[in-house]
Amino acid sequence: MMLQKRQRKGRRLSAGAVMVTGILLHPLAANAWDQLYVFGDSLSDSGNNGRYTWDGSSHPLYDDILAAKINQVLNPSKQGGTNFAAGGAVAVPALNPQDNTQDQVQNYLAANGGRADADGLY
């Protein structure tokens, strides 16, 4: 009788140890970022200068797909969002003074007190 009680107690302890180990080893679903920010040209523009390369929900832009995967909404910066990309933008300001990535980054910094979000995904 005493041996049976010890065996049952041992099984309960083993089952509990397995559960605790499983819980501790299970990775936590935590992001290293808190917001998605986008800079670029028409391949990333979600509406600042239109959606030149987008033809509906059957062909979303890469940044829209990424935003959906990480449970974020990506809106154009002209509507208060975090997508600063604009169709026709270039990397060299001299080639297009109206739309370039340097200005996009400057506009982002101006909207955020001159500091980049250390926890942002860019």
PDB file of N, CA and C in Angstrom:
ATOM      1  N   MET A   1       0.822  -1.178   0.000  1.00  0.00           N
ATOM      2  CA  MET A   1       0.000   0.000   0.000  1.00  0.00           C
ATOM      3  C   MET A   1       0.880   1.261   0.000  1.00  0.00           C
ATOM      4  N   MET A   2       1.874   1.303   0.850  1.00  0.00           N
ATOM      5  CA  MET A   2       2.779   2.439   0.957  1.00  0.00           C
ATOM      6  C   MET A   2       3.553   2.624  -0.353  1.00  0.00           C
ATOM      7  N   LEU A   3       3.940   1.521  -0.966  1.00  0.00           N
ATOM      8  CA  LEU A   3       4.675   1.572  -2.217  1.00  0.00           C
ATOM      9  C   LEU A   3       3.808   2.172  -3.329  1.00  0.00           C
ATOM     10  N   GLN A   4       2.521   1.835  -3.363  1.00  0.00           N
ATOM     11  CA  GLN A   4       1.615   2.364  -4.369  1.00  0.00           C
ATOM     12  C   GLN A   4       1.437   3.873  -4.217  1.00  0.00           C
ATOM     13  N   LYS A   5       1.347   4.365  -2.992  1.00  0.00           N
ATOM     14  CA  LYS A   5       1.217   5.805  -2.759  1.00  0.00           C
ATOM     15  C   LYS A   5       2.463   6.535  -3.252  1.00  0.00           C
ATOM     16  N   ARG A   6       3.622   5.951  -2.977  1.00  0.00           N
ATOM     17  CA  ARG A   6       4.873   6.581  -3.431  1.00  0.00           C
ATOM     18  C   ARG A   6       4.950   6.599  -4.957  1.00  0.00           C
ATOM     19  N   GLN A   7       4.498   5.521  -5.587  1.00  0.00           N
ATOM     20  CA  GLN A   7       4.528   5.466  -7.042  1.00  0.00           C
ATOM     21  C   GLN A   7       3.603   6.521  -7.638  1.00  0.00           C
ATOM     22  N   ARG A   8       2.390   6.671  -7.084  1.00  0.00           N
ATOM     23  CA  ARG A   8       1.448   7.676  -7.576  1.00  0.00           C
ATOM     24  C   ARG A   8       2.013   9.087  -7.375  1.00  0.00           C
ATOM     25  N   LYS A   9       2.607   9.317  -6.220  1.00  0.00           N
ATOM     26  CA  LYS A   9       3.190  10.627  -5.925  1.00  0.00           C
ATOM     27  C   LYS A   9       4.337  10.905  -6.892  1.00  0.00           C
ATOM     28  N   GLY A  10       5.143   9.892  -7.153  1.00  0.00           N
ATOM     29  CA  GLY A  10       6.252  10.044  -8.089  1.00  0.00           C
ATOM     30  C   GLY A  10       5.769  10.345  -9.500  1.00  0.00           C
ATOM     31  N   ARG A  11       4.681   9.708  -9.924  1.00  0.00           N
ATOM     32  CA  ARG A  11       4.114   9.965 -11.250  1.00  0.00           C
ATOM     33  C   ARG A  11       3.580  11.394 -11.352  1.00  0.00           C
ATOM     34  N   ARG A  12       2.905  11.852 -10.288  1.00  0.00           N
ATOM     35  CA  ARG A  12       2.386  13.217 -10.282  1.00  0.00           C
ATOM     36  C   ARG A  12       3.537  14.229 -10.361  1.00  0.00           C
ATOM     37  N   LEU A  13       4.594  13.985  -9.597  1.00  0.00           N
ATOM     38  CA  LEU A  13       5.745  14.889  -9.632  1.00  0.00           C
ATOM     39  C   LEU A  13       6.388  14.881 -11.015  1.00  0.00           C
ATOM     40  N   SER A  14       6.495  13.709 -11.631  1.00  0.00           N
ATOM     41  CA  SER A  14       7.082  13.613 -12.969  1.00  0.00           C
ATOM     42  C   SER A  14       6.229  14.350 -13.987  1.00  0.00           C
ATOM     43  N   ALA A  15       4.919  14.167 -13.906  1.00  0.00           N
ATOM     44  CA  ALA A  15       4.016  14.855 -14.836  1.00  0.00           C
ATOM     45  C   ALA A  15       4.107  16.369 -14.633  1.00  0.00           C
ATOM     46  N   GLY A  16       4.169  16.795 -13.385  1.00  0.00           N
ATOM     47  CA  GLY A  16       4.306  18.227 -13.097  1.00  0.00           C
ATOM     48  C   GLY A  16       5.615  18.783 -13.612  1.00  0.00           C
ATOM     49  N   ALA A  17       6.692  18.026 -13.462  1.00  0.00           N
ATOM     50  CA  ALA A  17       7.999  18.474 -13.953  1.00  0.00           C
ATOM     51  C   ALA A  17       7.993  18.592 -15.467  1.00  0.00           C
ATOM     52  N   VAL A  18       7.345  17.662 -16.134  1.00  0.00           N
ATOM     53  CA  VAL A  18       7.254  17.718 -17.589  1.00  0.00           C
ATOM     54  C   VAL A  18       6.456  18.948 -18.021  1.00  0.00           C
ATOM     55  N   MET A  19       5.360  19.234 -17.353  1.00  0.00           N
ATOM     56  CA  MET A  19       4.555  20.409 -17.697  1.00  0.00           C
ATOM     57  C   MET A  19       5.330  21.702 -17.479  1.00  0.00           C
ATOM     58  N   VAL A  20       5.990  21.831 -16.355  1.00  0.00           N
ATOM     59  CA  VAL A  20       6.766  23.039 -16.061  1.00  0.00           C
ATOM     60  C   VAL A  20       7.880  23.201 -17.085  1.00  0.00           C
ATOM     61  N   THR A  21       8.565  22.116 -17.407  1.00  0.00           N
ATOM     62  CA  THR A  21       9.643  22.170 -18.400  1.00  0.00           C
ATOM     63  C   THR A  21       9.083  22.606 -19.751  1.00  0.00           C
ATOM     64  N   GLY A  22       7.938  22.057 -20.138  1.00  0.00           N
ATOM     65  CA  GLY A  22       7.318  22.435 -21.400  1.00  0.00           C
ATOM     66  C   GLY A  22       6.958  23.904 -21.449  1.00  0.00           C
ATOM     67  N   ILE A  23       6.431  24.413 -20.364  1.00  0.00           N
ATOM     68  CA  ILE A  23       6.062  25.830 -20.302  1.00  0.00           C
ATOM     69  C   ILE A  23       7.300  26.709 -20.392  1.00  0.00           C
ATOM     70  N   LEU A  24       8.355  26.334 -19.695  1.00  0.00           N
ATOM     71  CA  LEU A  24       9.571  27.143 -19.695  1.00  0.00           C
ATOM     72  C   LEU A  24      10.299  27.106 -21.034  1.00  0.00           C
ATOM     73  N   LEU A  25      10.201  25.994 -21.733  1.00  0.00           N
ATOM     74  CA  LEU A  25      10.897  25.869 -23.011  1.00  0.00           C
ATOM     75  C   LEU A  25      10.102  26.440 -24.179  1.00  0.00           C
ATOM     76  N   HIS A  26       8.819  26.678 -23.981  1.00  0.00           N
ATOM     77  CA  HIS A  26       7.981  27.219 -25.043  1.00  0.00           C
ATOM     78  C   HIS A  26       8.384  28.672 -25.298  1.00  0.00           C
ATOM     79  N   PRO A  27       8.763  29.009 -26.543  1.00  0.00           N
ATOM     80  CA  PRO A  27       9.170  30.391 -26.815  1.00  0.00           C
ATOM     81  C   PRO A  27       8.002  31.357 -26.663  1.00  0.00           C
ATOM     82  N   LEU A  28       8.283  32.499 -26.110  1.00  0.00           N
ATOM     83  CA  LEU A  28       7.257  33.531 -25.952  1.00  0.00           C
ATOM     84  C   LEU A  28       7.117  34.299 -27.255  1.00  0.00           C
ATOM     85  N   ALA A  29       5.914  34.644 -27.606  1.00  0.00           N
ATOM     86  CA  ALA A  29       5.651  35.392 -28.829  1.00  0.00           C
ATOM     87  C   ALA A  29       5.809  36.882 -28.534  1.00  0.00           C
ATOM     88  N   ALA A  30       7.030  37.358 -28.563  1.00  0.00           N
ATOM     89  CA  ALA A  30       7.300  38.768 -28.288  1.00  0.00           C
ATOM     90  C   ALA A  30       8.044  39.377 -29.468  1.00  0.00           C
ATOM     91  N   ASN A  31       7.679  40.583 -29.833  1.00  0.00           N
ATOM     92  CA  ASN A  31       8.356  41.282 -30.912  1.00  0.00           C
ATOM     93  C   ASN A  31       9.438  42.178 -30.335  1.00  0.00           C
ATOM     94  N   ALA A  32      10.488  42.329 -31.111  1.00  0.00           N
ATOM     95  CA  ALA A  32      11.563  43.224 -30.707  1.00  0.00           C
ATOM     96  C   ALA A  32      11.270  44.646 -31.189  1.00  0.00           C
ATOM     97  N   TRP A  33      10.142  44.846 -31.850  1.00  0.00           N
ATOM     98  CA  TRP A  33       9.767  46.154 -32.360  1.00  0.00           C
ATOM     99  C   TRP A  33       8.339  46.473 -31.959  1.00  0.00           C
ATOM    100  N   ASP A  34       8.005  47.750 -32.063  1.00  0.00           N
ATOM    101  CA  ASP A  34       6.638  48.142 -31.719  1.00  0.00           C
ATOM    102  C   ASP A  34       5.901  48.807 -32.873  1.00  0.00           C
ATOM    103  N   GLN A  35       6.606  49.138 -33.954  1.00  0.00           N
ATOM    104  CA  GLN A  35       5.968  49.825 -35.074  1.00  0.00           C
ATOM    105  C   GLN A  35       6.777  49.576 -36.340  1.00  0.00           C
ATOM    106  N   LEU A  36       6.103  49.492 -37.478  1.00  0.00           N
ATOM    107  CA  LEU A  36       6.734  49.322 -38.785  1.00  0.00           C
ATOM    108  C   LEU A  36       6.801  50.677 -39.477  1.00  0.00           C
ATOM    109  N   TYR A  37       7.982  51.032 -39.989  1.00  0.00           N
ATOM    110  CA  TYR A  37       8.185  52.275 -40.729  1.00  0.00           C
ATOM    111  C   TYR A  37       8.728  51.927 -42.105  1.00  0.00           C
ATOM    112  N   VAL A  38       8.226  52.616 -43.147  1.00  0.00           N
ATOM    113  CA  VAL A  38       8.633  52.311 -44.516  1.00  0.00           C
ATOM    114  C   VAL A  38       9.068  53.586 -45.231  1.00  0.00           C
ATOM    115  N   PHE A  39      10.176  53.475 -45.964  1.00  0.00           N
ATOM    116  CA  PHE A  39      10.690  54.547 -46.813  1.00  0.00           C
ATOM    117  C   PHE A  39      10.960  53.933 -48.177  1.00  0.00           C
ATOM    118  N   GLY A  40      10.734  54.672 -49.250  1.00  0.00           N
ATOM    119  CA  GLY A  40      11.024  54.101 -50.561  1.00  0.00           C
ATOM    120  C   GLY A  40      10.258  54.762 -51.685  1.00  0.00           C
ATOM    121  N   ASP A  41      10.099  53.986 -52.771  1.00  0.00           N
ATOM    122  CA  ASP A  41       9.454  54.482 -53.983  1.00  0.00           C
ATOM    123  C   ASP A  41       8.114  53.788 -54.202  1.00  0.00           C
ATOM    124  N   SER A  42       7.705  53.662 -55.463  1.00  0.00           N
ATOM    125  CA  SER A  42       6.389  53.097 -55.772  1.00  0.00           C
ATOM    126  C   SER A  42       6.250  51.638 -55.356  1.00  0.00           C
ATOM    127  N   LEU A  43       7.339  50.940 -55.163  1.00  0.00           N
ATOM    128  CA  LEU A  43       7.267  49.551 -54.715  1.00  0.00           C
ATOM    129  C   LEU A  43       6.841  49.445 -53.255  1.00  0.00           C
ATOM    130  N   SER A  44       6.814  50.586 -52.565  1.00  0.00           N
ATOM    131  CA  SER A  44       6.431  50.619 -51.152  1.00  0.00           C
ATOM    132  C   SER A  44       5.309  51.613 -50.851  1.00  0.00           C
ATOM    133  N   ASP A  45       4.951  52.443 -51.815  1.00  0.00           N
ATOM    134  CA  ASP A  45       3.980  53.524 -51.597  1.00  0.00           C
ATOM    135  C   ASP A  45       2.579  52.967 -51.351  1.00  0.00           C
ATOM    136  N   SER A  46       2.045  53.262 -50.186  1.00  0.00           N
ATOM    137  CA  SER A  46       0.698  52.777 -49.855  1.00  0.00           C
ATOM    138  C   SER A  46      -0.358  53.861 -50.040  1.00  0.00           C
ATOM    139  N   GLY A  47       0.022  54.963 -50.667  1.00  0.00           N
ATOM    140  CA  GLY A  47      -0.973  55.994 -50.926  1.00  0.00           C
ATOM    141  C   GLY A  47      -0.483  57.423 -50.877  1.00  0.00           C
ATOM    142  N   ASN A  48       0.774  57.671 -50.566  1.00  0.00           N
ATOM    143  CA  ASN A  48       1.270  59.044 -50.543  1.00  0.00           C
ATOM    144  C   ASN A  48       1.226  59.674 -51.934  1.00  0.00           C
ATOM    145  N   ASN A  49       1.624  58.916 -52.946  1.00  0.00           N
ATOM    146  CA  ASN A  49       1.536  59.372 -54.339  1.00  0.00           C
ATOM    147  C   ASN A  49       0.716  58.393 -55.167  1.00  0.00           C
ATOM    148  N   GLY A  50      -0.173  57.723 -54.558  1.00  0.00           N
ATOM    149  CA  GLY A  50      -0.947  56.712 -55.270  1.00  0.00           C
ATOM    150  C   GLY A  50      -0.311  55.345 -55.084  1.00  0.00           C
ATOM    151  N   ARG A  51      -0.887  54.357 -55.720  1.00  0.00           N
ATOM    152  CA  ARG A  51      -0.379  52.987 -55.603  1.00  0.00           C
ATOM    153  C   ARG A  51      -0.071  52.485 -57.001  1.00  0.00           C
ATOM    154  N   TYR A  52       1.044  52.901 -57.525  1.00  0.00           N
ATOM    155  CA  TYR A  52       1.382  52.622 -58.919  1.00  0.00           C
ATOM    156  C   TYR A  52       1.550  51.131 -59.230  1.00  0.00           C
ATOM    157  N   THR A  53       2.017  50.375 -58.296  1.00  0.00           N
ATOM    158  CA  THR A  53       2.286  48.963 -58.566  1.00  0.00           C
ATOM    159  C   THR A  53       1.272  48.042 -57.918  1.00  0.00           C
ATOM    160  N   TRP A  54       0.172  48.547 -57.473  1.00  0.00           N
ATOM    161  CA  TRP A  54      -0.815  47.763 -56.722  1.00  0.00           C
ATOM    162  C   TRP A  54      -2.116  47.736 -57.495  1.00  0.00           C
ATOM    163  N   ASP A  55      -2.675  46.550 -57.648  1.00  0.00           N
ATOM    164  CA  ASP A  55      -3.924  46.469 -58.397  1.00  0.00           C
ATOM    165  C   ASP A  55      -5.030  45.758 -57.623  1.00  0.00           C
ATOM    166  N   GLY A  56      -5.010  45.879 -56.338  1.00  0.00           N
ATOM    167  CA  GLY A  56      -6.077  45.291 -55.538  1.00  0.00           C
ATOM    168  C   GLY A  56      -5.562  44.327 -54.497  1.00  0.00           C
ATOM    169  N   SER A  57      -6.486  43.755 -53.772  1.00  0.00           N
ATOM    170  CA  SER A  57      -6.114  42.872 -52.666  1.00  0.00           C
ATOM    171  C   SER A  57      -5.471  41.582 -53.144  1.00  0.00           C
ATOM    172  N   SER A  58      -5.601  41.258 -54.422  1.00  0.00           N
ATOM    173  CA  SER A  58      -4.969  40.033 -54.917  1.00  0.00           C
ATOM    174  C   SER A  58      -3.475  40.222 -55.171  1.00  0.00           C
ATOM    175  N   HIS A  59      -3.003  41.467 -55.200  1.00  0.00           N
ATOM    176  CA  HIS A  59      -1.583  41.750 -55.415  1.00  0.00           C
ATOM    177  C   HIS A  59      -1.101  42.864 -54.485  1.00  0.00           C
ATOM    178  N   PRO A  60      -1.078  42.609 -53.171  1.00  0.00           N
ATOM    179  CA  PRO A  60      -0.625  43.665 -52.243  1.00  0.00           C
ATOM    180  C   PRO A  60       0.883  43.901 -52.361  1.00  0.00           C
ATOM    181  N   LEU A  61       1.287  45.065 -51.919  1.00  0.00           N
ATOM    182  CA  LEU A  61       2.709  45.396 -51.892  1.00  0.00           C
ATOM    183  C   LEU A  61       3.400  44.595 -50.785  1.00  0.00           C
ATOM    184  N   TYR A  62       4.722  44.424 -50.926  1.00  0.00           N
ATOM    185  CA  TYR A  62       5.468  43.636 -49.936  1.00  0.00           C
ATOM    186  C   TYR A  62       5.299  44.179 -48.527  1.00  0.00           C
ATOM    187  N   ASP A  63       5.266  45.504 -48.398  1.00  0.00           N
ATOM    188  CA  ASP A  63       5.168  46.081 -47.058  1.00  0.00           C
ATOM    189  C   ASP A  63       3.779  45.880 -46.454  1.00  0.00           C
ATOM    190  N   ASP A  64       2.752  45.806 -47.305  1.00  0.00           N
ATOM    191  CA  ASP A  64       1.411  45.482 -46.807  1.00  0.00           C
ATOM    192  C   ASP A  64       1.360  44.040 -46.301  1.00  0.00           C
ATOM    193  N   ILE A  65       2.035  43.148 -47.013  1.00  0.00           N
ATOM    194  CA  ILE A  65       2.090  41.742 -46.600  1.00  0.00           C
ATOM    195  C   ILE A  65       2.818  41.628 -45.270  1.00  0.00           C
ATOM    196  N   LEU A  66       3.964  42.306 -45.153  1.00  0.00           N
ATOM    197  CA  LEU A  66       4.726  42.286 -43.904  1.00  0.00           C
ATOM    198  C   LEU A  66       3.902  42.850 -42.756  1.00  0.00           C
ATOM    199  N   ALA A  67       3.254  43.970 -42.986  1.00  0.00           N
ATOM    200  CA  ALA A  67       2.435  44.589 -41.931  1.00  0.00           C
ATOM    201  C   ALA A  67       1.343  43.627 -41.465  1.00  0.00           C
ATOM    202  N   ALA A  68       0.695  42.960 -42.410  1.00  0.00           N
ATOM    203  CA  ALA A  68      -0.361  42.011 -42.037  1.00  0.00           C
ATOM    204  C   ALA A  68       0.213  40.846 -41.230  1.00  0.00           C
ATOM    205  N   LYS A  69       1.396  40.382 -41.589  1.00  0.00           N
ATOM    206  CA  LYS A  69       2.010  39.250 -40.885  1.00  0.00           C
ATOM    207  C   LYS A  69       2.360  39.591 -39.442  1.00  0.00           C
ATOM    208  N   ILE A  70       2.658  40.853 -39.187  1.00  0.00           N
ATOM    209  CA  ILE A  70       3.026  41.239 -37.819  1.00  0.00           C
ATOM    210  C   ILE A  70       1.896  42.005 -37.122  1.00  0.00           C
ATOM    211  N   ASN A  71       0.695  41.883 -37.680  1.00  0.00           N
ATOM    212  CA  ASN A  71      -0.514  42.472 -37.081  1.00  0.00           C
ATOM    213  C   ASN A  71      -0.434  43.987 -36.928  1.00  0.00           C
ATOM    214  N   GLN A  72       0.016  44.648 -37.977  1.00  0.00           N
ATOM    215  CA  GLN A  72       0.075  46.105 -37.971  1.00  0.00           C
ATOM    216  C   GLN A  72      -0.700  46.643 -39.161  1.00  0.00           C
ATOM    217  N   VAL A  73      -1.141  47.867 -39.050  1.00  0.00           N
ATOM    218  CA  VAL A  73      -1.811  48.551 -40.151  1.00  0.00           C
ATOM    219  C   VAL A  73      -0.822  49.555 -40.712  1.00  0.00           C
ATOM    220  N   LEU A  74      -0.645  49.530 -42.030  1.00  0.00           N
ATOM    221  CA  LEU A  74       0.322  50.418 -42.667  1.00  0.00           C
ATOM    222  C   LEU A  74      -0.431  51.457 -43.486  1.00  0.00           C
ATOM    223  N   ASN A  75      -0.433  52.689 -42.994  1.00  0.00           N
ATOM    224  CA  ASN A  75      -1.110  53.795 -43.675  1.00  0.00           C
ATOM    225  C   ASN A  75      -0.084  54.798 -44.173  1.00  0.00           C
ATOM    226  N   PRO A  76      -0.432  55.552 -45.218  1.00  0.00           N
ATOM    227  CA  PRO A  76       0.473  56.579 -45.733  1.00  0.00           C
ATOM    228  C   PRO A  76       0.753  57.657 -44.681  1.00  0.00           C
ATOM    229  N   SER A  77       1.951  58.190 -44.720  1.00  0.00           N
ATOM    230  CA  SER A  77       2.320  59.240 -43.753  1.00  0.00           C
ATOM    231  C   SER A  77       1.474  60.494 -43.947  1.00  0.00           C
ATOM    232  N   LYS A  78       1.012  60.749 -45.161  1.00  0.00           N
ATOM    233  CA  LYS A  78       0.154  61.920 -45.404  1.00  0.00           C
ATOM    234  C   LYS A  78      -1.195  61.791 -44.714  1.00  0.00           C
ATOM    235  N   GLN A  79      -1.515  60.584 -44.258  1.00  0.00           N
ATOM    236  CA  GLN A  79      -2.749  60.345 -43.507  1.00  0.00           C
ATOM    237  C   GLN A  79      -2.433  60.011 -42.057  1.00  0.00           C
ATOM    238  N   GLY A  80      -1.234  60.377 -41.617  1.00  0.00           N
ATOM    239  CA  GLY A  80      -0.840  60.137 -40.234  1.00  0.00           C
ATOM    240  C   GLY A  80      -0.225  58.774 -39.977  1.00  0.00           C
ATOM    241  N   GLY A  81       0.030  58.005 -41.031  1.00  0.00           N
ATOM    242  CA  GLY A  81       0.601  56.669 -40.889  1.00  0.00           C
ATOM    243  C   GLY A  81       2.119  56.656 -40.850  1.00  0.00           C
ATOM    244  N   THR A  82       2.659  55.464 -40.942  1.00  0.00           N
ATOM    245  CA  THR A  82       4.108  55.287 -40.821  1.00  0.00           C
ATOM    246  C   THR A  82       4.763  54.849 -42.126  1.00  0.00           C
ATOM    247  N   ASN A  83       4.033  54.913 -43.240  1.00  0.00           N
ATOM    248  CA  ASN A  83       4.620  54.607 -44.543  1.00  0.00           C
ATOM    249  C   ASN A  83       4.947  55.928 -45.220  1.00  0.00           C
ATOM    250  N   PHE A  84       6.226  56.246 -45.279  1.00  0.00           N
ATOM    251  CA  PHE A  84       6.687  57.512 -45.850  1.00  0.00           C
ATOM    252  C   PHE A  84       7.056  57.375 -47.322  1.00  0.00           C
ATOM    253  N   ALA A  85       6.966  56.175 -47.874  1.00  0.00           N
ATOM    254  CA  ALA A  85       7.330  55.931 -49.266  1.00  0.00           C
ATOM    255  C   ALA A  85       6.415  56.692 -50.212  1.00  0.00           C
ATOM    256  N   ALA A  86       6.977  57.076 -51.370  1.00  0.00           N
ATOM    257  CA  ALA A  86       6.202  57.814 -52.368  1.00  0.00           C
ATOM    258  C   ALA A  86       6.608  57.353 -53.760  1.00  0.00           C
ATOM    259  N   GLY A  87       5.615  57.065 -54.587  1.00  0.00           N
ATOM    260  CA  GLY A  87       5.897  56.682 -55.965  1.00  0.00           C
ATOM    261  C   GLY A  87       6.701  57.753 -56.669  1.00  0.00           C
ATOM    262  N   GLY A  88       7.753  57.339 -57.379  1.00  0.00           N
ATOM    263  CA  GLY A  88       8.614  58.286 -58.077  1.00  0.00           C
ATOM    264  C   GLY A  88       9.788  58.776 -57.243  1.00  0.00           C
ATOM    265  N   ALA A  89       9.841  58.391 -55.990  1.00  0.00           N
ATOM    266  CA  ALA A  89      10.941  58.827 -55.120  1.00  0.00           C
ATOM    267  C   ALA A  89      12.252  58.192 -55.578  1.00  0.00           C
ATOM    268  N   VAL A  90      13.340  58.907 -55.327  1.00  0.00           N
ATOM    269  CA  VAL A  90      14.685  58.439 -55.685  1.00  0.00           C
ATOM    270  C   VAL A  90      15.588  58.546 -54.468  1.00  0.00           C
ATOM    271  N   ALA A  91      16.730  57.885 -54.527  1.00  0.00           N
ATOM    272  CA  ALA A  91      17.682  57.931 -53.426  1.00  0.00           C
ATOM    273  C   ALA A  91      18.569  59.180 -53.482  1.00  0.00           C
ATOM    274  N   VAL A  92      18.736  59.757 -54.669  1.00  0.00           N
ATOM    275  CA  VAL A  92      19.595  60.933 -54.848  1.00  0.00           C
ATOM    276  C   VAL A  92      18.697  62.162 -55.002  1.00  0.00           C
ATOM    277  N   PRO A  93      18.666  63.050 -54.006  1.00  0.00           N
ATOM    278  CA  PRO A  93      17.764  64.208 -54.053  1.00  0.00           C
ATOM    279  C   PRO A  93      17.900  65.068 -55.297  1.00  0.00           C
ATOM    280  N   ALA A  94      19.091  65.160 -55.874  1.00  0.00           N
ATOM    281  CA  ALA A  94      19.290  65.998 -57.056  1.00  0.00           C
ATOM    282  C   ALA A  94      18.496  65.478 -58.258  1.00  0.00           C
ATOM    283  N   LEU A  95      18.191  64.185 -58.258  1.00  0.00           N
ATOM    284  CA  LEU A  95      17.439  63.612 -59.375  1.00  0.00           C
ATOM    285  C   LEU A  95      15.938  63.888 -59.274  1.00  0.00           C
ATOM    286  N   ASN A  96      15.446  64.084 -58.079  1.00  0.00           N
ATOM    287  CA  ASN A  96      14.033  64.401 -57.872  1.00  0.00           C
ATOM    288  C   ASN A  96      13.898  65.137 -56.538  1.00  0.00           C
ATOM    289  N   PRO A  97      14.052  66.451 -56.564  1.00  0.00           N
ATOM    290  CA  PRO A  97      13.986  67.224 -55.318  1.00  0.00           C
ATOM    291  C   PRO A  97      12.642  67.150 -54.594  1.00  0.00           C
ATOM    292  N   GLN A  98      11.554  66.822 -55.302  1.00  0.00           N
ATOM    293  CA  GLN A  98      10.233  66.768 -54.674  1.00  0.00           C
ATOM    294  C   GLN A  98       9.996  65.458 -53.926  1.00  0.00           C
ATOM    295  N   ASP A  99      10.485  64.367 -54.463  1.00  0.00           N
ATOM    296  CA  ASP A  99      10.253  63.054 -53.855  1.00  0.00           C
ATOM    297  C   ASP A  99      11.556  62.275 -53.798  1.00  0.00           C
ATOM    298  N   ASN A 100      12.121  62.186 -52.592  1.00  0.00           N
ATOM    299  CA  ASN A 100      13.342  61.397 -52.427  1.00  0.00           C
ATOM    300  C   ASN A 100      13.381  60.814 -51.017  1.00  0.00           C
ATOM    301  N   THR A 101      14.148  59.762 -50.881  1.00  0.00           N
ATOM    302  CA  THR A 101      14.168  59.058 -49.596  1.00  0.00           C
ATOM    303  C   THR A 101      14.808  59.886 -48.490  1.00  0.00           C
ATOM    304  N   GLN A 102      15.717  60.774 -48.838  1.00  0.00           N
ATOM    305  CA  GLN A 102      16.328  61.635 -47.825  1.00  0.00           C
ATOM    306  C   GLN A 102      15.252  62.516 -47.172  1.00  0.00           C
ATOM    307  N   ASP A 103      14.396  63.086 -47.980  1.00  0.00           N
ATOM    308  CA  ASP A 103      13.301  63.904 -47.436  1.00  0.00           C
ATOM    309  C   ASP A 103      12.315  63.055 -46.633  1.00  0.00           C
ATOM    310  N   GLN A 104      12.078  61.822 -47.072  1.00  0.00           N
ATOM    311  CA  GLN A 104      11.180  60.935 -46.325  1.00  0.00           C
ATOM    312  C   GLN A 104      11.697  60.707 -44.912  1.00  0.00           C
ATOM    313  N   VAL A 105      12.993  60.428 -44.812  1.00  0.00           N
ATOM    314  CA  VAL A 105      13.590  60.195 -43.490  1.00  0.00           C
ATOM    315  C   VAL A 105      13.556  61.481 -42.666  1.00  0.00           C
ATOM    316  N   GLN A 106      13.836  62.620 -43.287  1.00  0.00           N
ATOM    317  CA  GLN A 106      13.777  63.903 -42.571  1.00  0.00           C
ATOM    318  C   GLN A 106      12.355  64.194 -42.090  1.00  0.00           C
ATOM    319  N   ASN A 107      11.358  63.885 -42.911  1.00  0.00           N
ATOM    320  CA  ASN A 107       9.956  64.091 -42.507  1.00  0.00           C
ATOM    321  C   ASN A 107       9.600  63.170 -41.342  1.00  0.00           C
ATOM    322  N   TYR A 108      10.076  61.942 -41.399  1.00  0.00           N
ATOM    323  CA  TYR A 108       9.840  60.998 -40.299  1.00  0.00           C
ATOM    324  C   TYR A 108      10.448  61.533 -39.008  1.00  0.00           C
ATOM    325  N   LEU A 109      11.709  61.974 -39.084  1.00  0.00           N
ATOM    326  CA  LEU A 109      12.381  62.493 -37.883  1.00  0.00           C
ATOM    327  C   LEU A 109      11.681  63.743 -37.361  1.00  0.00           C
ATOM    328  N   ALA A 110      11.253  64.618 -38.263  1.00  0.00           N
ATOM    329  CA  ALA A 110      10.551  65.837 -37.841  1.00  0.00           C
ATOM    330  C   ALA A 110       9.244  65.493 -37.124  1.00  0.00           C
ATOM    331  N   ALA A 111       8.578  64.445 -37.567  1.00  0.00           N
ATOM    332  CA  ALA A 111       7.313  64.043 -36.945  1.00  0.00           C
ATOM    333  C   ALA A 111       7.519  63.318 -35.620  1.00  0.00           C
ATOM    334  N   ASN A 112       8.777  62.944 -35.336  1.00  0.00           N
ATOM    335  CA  ASN A 112       9.068  62.177 -34.122  1.00  0.00           C
ATOM    336  C   ASN A 112      10.099  62.860 -33.234  1.00  0.00           C
ATOM    337  N   GLY A 113      10.085  64.162 -33.221  1.00  0.00           N
ATOM    338  CA  GLY A 113      10.959  64.916 -32.336  1.00  0.00           C
ATOM    339  C   GLY A 113      12.440  64.781 -32.653  1.00  0.00           C
ATOM    340  N   GLY A 114      12.759  64.477 -33.909  1.00  0.00           N
ATOM    341  CA  GLY A 114      14.161  64.380 -34.318  1.00  0.00           C
ATOM    342  C   GLY A 114      14.844  63.087 -33.930  1.00  0.00           C
ATOM    343  N   ARG A 115      14.094  62.135 -33.417  1.00  0.00           N
ATOM    344  CA  ARG A 115      14.687  60.869 -32.966  1.00  0.00           C
ATOM    345  C   ARG A 115      13.992  59.688 -33.637  1.00  0.00           C
ATOM    346  N   ALA A 116      14.789  58.704 -33.989  1.00  0.00           N
ATOM    347  CA  ALA A 116      14.235  57.473 -34.554  1.00  0.00           C
ATOM    348  C   ALA A 116      13.722  56.585 -33.425  1.00  0.00           C
ATOM    349  N   ASP A 117      12.674  55.863 -33.695  1.00  0.00           N
ATOM    350  CA  ASP A 117      12.112  54.914 -32.737  1.00  0.00           C
ATOM    351  C   ASP A 117      13.071  53.745 -32.580  1.00  0.00           C
ATOM    352  N   ALA A 118      13.686  53.627 -31.428  1.00  0.00           N
ATOM    353  CA  ALA A 118      14.666  52.559 -31.186  1.00  0.00           C
ATOM    354  C   ALA A 118      14.031  51.179 -31.253  1.00  0.00           C
ATOM    355  N   ASP A 119      12.737  51.103 -31.057  1.00  0.00           N
ATOM    356  CA  ASP A 119      12.035  49.823 -31.108  1.00  0.00           C
ATOM    357  C   ASP A 119      11.273  49.645 -32.412  1.00  0.00           C
ATOM    358  N   GLY A 120      11.571  50.470 -33.411  1.00  0.00           N
ATOM    359  CA  GLY A 120      10.872  50.390 -34.691  1.00  0.00           C
ATOM    360  C   GLY A 120      11.492  49.356 -35.615  1.00  0.00           C
ATOM    361  N   LEU A 121      10.682  48.866 -36.531  1.00  0.00           N
ATOM    362  CA  LEU A 121      11.134  47.980 -37.596  1.00  0.00           C
ATOM    363  C   LEU A 121      11.134  48.808 -38.861  1.00  0.00           C
ATOM    364  N   TYR A 122      12.295  48.969 -39.475  1.00  0.00           N
ATOM    365  CA  TYR A 122      12.439  49.836 -40.648  1.00  0.00           C
ATOM    366  C   TYR A 122      12.696  49.011 -41.885  1.00  0.00           C
TER     367      TYR A 122
END
